C-alpha atoms as a PDB file:
ATOM      1  CA  MET A   1       7.671  -7.146  -6.282  1.00  0.00           C
ATOM      2  CA  ASN A   2       6.636  -3.508  -6.399  1.00  0.00           C
ATOM      3  CA  ILE A   3       4.270  -2.189  -3.723  1.00  0.00           C
ATOM      4  CA  LEU A   4       2.767   1.291  -3.925  1.00  0.00           C
ATOM      5  CA  ILE A   5       0.892   2.992  -1.111  1.00  0.00           C
ATOM      6  CA  LEU A   6      -1.416   5.630  -2.538  1.00  0.00           C
ATOM      7  CA  GLY A   7      -2.400   8.442  -0.218  1.00  0.00           C
ATOM      8  CA  THR A   8      -1.956  12.109   0.485  1.00  0.00           C
ATOM      9  CA  GLY A   9       0.004  11.692   3.713  1.00  0.00           C
ATOM     10  CA  CYS A  10      -2.784  11.341   6.261  1.00  0.00           C
ATOM     11  CA  ALA A  11      -2.398   9.264   9.418  1.00  0.00           C
ATOM     12  CA  ARG A  12      -4.205   6.298   7.820  1.00  0.00           C
ATOM     13  CA  CYS A  13      -1.803   6.354   4.872  1.00  0.00           C
ATOM     14  CA  LYS A  14       1.197   6.408   7.202  1.00  0.00           C
ATOM     15  CA  ALA A  15      -0.293   3.540   9.223  1.00  0.00           C
ATOM     16  CA  THR A  16      -0.717   1.546   5.997  1.00  0.00           C
ATOM     17  CA  GLN A  17       2.915   2.145   5.091  1.00  0.00           C
ATOM     18  CA  ASP A  18       4.039   1.037   8.566  1.00  0.00           C
ATOM     19  CA  VAL A  19       2.023  -2.203   8.347  1.00  0.00           C
ATOM     20  CA  ILE A  20       3.355  -3.032   4.882  1.00  0.00           C
ATOM     21  CA  GLU A  21       6.990  -2.304   5.737  1.00  0.00           C
ATOM     22  CA  LYS A  22       6.715  -4.414   8.901  1.00  0.00           C
ATOM     23  CA  VAL A  23       5.258  -7.414   7.022  1.00  0.00           C
ATOM     24  CA  VAL A  24       7.763  -7.124   4.141  1.00  0.00           C
ATOM     25  CA  LYS A  25      10.597  -7.157   6.682  1.00  0.00           C
ATOM     26  CA  GLU A  26       8.990  -9.987   8.690  1.00  0.00           C
ATOM     27  CA  LEU A  27       8.615 -12.154   5.565  1.00  0.00           C
ATOM     28  CA  ASN A  28      12.082 -11.141   4.344  1.00  0.00           C
ATOM     29  CA  LEU A  29      10.695 -10.277   0.906  1.00  0.00           C
ATOM     30  CA  ASN A  30      12.596  -8.672  -1.922  1.00  0.00           C
ATOM     31  CA  ALA A  31      10.076  -5.892  -2.521  1.00  0.00           C
ATOM     32  CA  SER A  32      10.213  -2.176  -3.134  1.00  0.00           C
ATOM     33  CA  VAL A  33       7.742  -0.144  -1.088  1.00  0.00           C
ATOM     34  CA  GLU A  34       6.960   3.318  -2.397  1.00  0.00           C
ATOM     35  CA  LYS A  35       4.623   6.011  -1.066  1.00  0.00           C
ATOM     36  CA  VAL A  36       2.749   7.931  -3.777  1.00  0.00           C
ATOM     37  CA  GLU A  37       1.343  11.258  -2.558  1.00  0.00           C
ATOM     38  CA  GLU A  38       0.991  13.130  -5.864  1.00  0.00           C
ATOM     39  CA  LEU A  39      -2.746  13.427  -6.574  1.00  0.00           C
ATOM     40  CA  SER A  40      -2.298  13.189 -10.353  1.00  0.00           C
ATOM     41  CA  GLU A  41      -0.484   9.849  -9.906  1.00  0.00           C
ATOM     42  CA  ILE A  42      -3.101   8.540  -7.463  1.00  0.00           C
ATOM     43  CA  MET A  43      -5.884   9.414  -9.941  1.00  0.00           C
ATOM     44  CA  LYS A  44      -4.317   7.094 -12.548  1.00  0.00           C
ATOM     45  CA  TYR A  45      -5.438   4.107 -10.440  1.00  0.00           C
ATOM     46  CA  ASP A  46      -9.137   5.041 -10.525  1.00  0.00           C
ATOM     47  CA  ILE A  47      -9.685   4.919  -6.766  1.00  0.00           C
ATOM     48  CA  LEU A  48     -12.058   7.095  -4.785  1.00  0.00           C
ATOM     49  CA  ALA A  49     -10.732   6.529  -1.259  1.00  0.00           C
ATOM     50  CA  THR A  50      -7.267   6.359   0.224  1.00  0.00           C
ATOM     51  CA  PRO A  51      -5.190   4.724   1.448  1.00  0.00           C
ATOM     52  CA  ALA A  52      -4.851   2.227  -1.354  1.00  0.00           C
ATOM     53  CA  VAL A  53      -2.328  -0.558  -1.874  1.00  0.00           C
ATOM     54  CA  VAL A  54      -1.119  -1.463  -5.362  1.00  0.00           C
ATOM     55  CA  ILE A  55       0.937  -4.623  -5.838  1.00  0.00           C
ATOM     56  CA  ASP A  56       2.711  -5.054  -9.167  1.00  0.00           C
ATOM     57  CA  GLY A  57       0.334  -2.602 -10.841  1.00  0.00           C
ATOM     58  CA  VAL A  58      -2.928  -4.078  -9.479  1.00  0.00           C
ATOM     59  CA  VAL A  59      -5.037  -2.294  -6.837  1.00  0.00           C
ATOM     60  CA  LYS A  60      -5.501  -4.795  -4.002  1.00  0.00           C
ATOM     61  CA  ILE A  61      -6.846  -2.661  -1.134  1.00  0.00           C
ATOM     62  CA  LYS A  62      -8.580   0.694  -1.146  1.00  0.00           C
ATOM     63  CA  GLY A  63     -10.152   2.971   1.415  1.00  0.00           C
ATOM     64  CA  LYS A  64      -8.895   1.306   4.582  1.00  0.00           C
ATOM     65  CA  VAL A  65      -5.822   0.508   6.636  1.00  0.00           C
ATOM     66  CA  PRO A  66      -5.043  -3.168   6.062  1.00  0.00           C
ATOM     67  CA  THR A  67      -4.261  -5.531   8.903  1.00  0.00           C
ATOM     68  CA  PRO A  68      -0.911  -7.336   8.993  1.00  0.00           C
ATOM     69  CA  ALA A  69      -2.804 -10.594   8.252  1.00  0.00           C
ATOM     70  CA  GLU A  70      -4.340  -9.104   5.093  1.00  0.00           C
ATOM     71  CA  ILE A  71      -0.932  -7.948   3.872  1.00  0.00           C
ATOM     72  CA  ARG A  72       0.667 -11.336   4.669  1.00  0.00           C
ATOM     73  CA  GLU A  73      -2.032 -13.055   2.603  1.00  0.00           C
ATOM     74  CA  LEU A  74      -1.525 -10.709  -0.351  1.00  0.00           C
ATOM     75  CA  LEU A  75       2.255 -11.068  -0.301  1.00  0.00           C
ATOM     76  CA  SER A  76       2.544 -14.822   0.151  1.00  0.00           C
END
């Protein structure tokens, strides 16, 4: 599983990364978590608001910090 966190490095983007890493560890998943801060890369996903979460190439969340429950649901 490949998880991308799209965002320019703001506090909300960092909070999103923290939530995702915590849930991945909690669920003991074999997943790579990568932070994408390059604007040209973020633009490829056709989103207007960050943070955004992309799982295996599909945008799942955009414009908000997800809750741990939302991430658990997406990853299980």
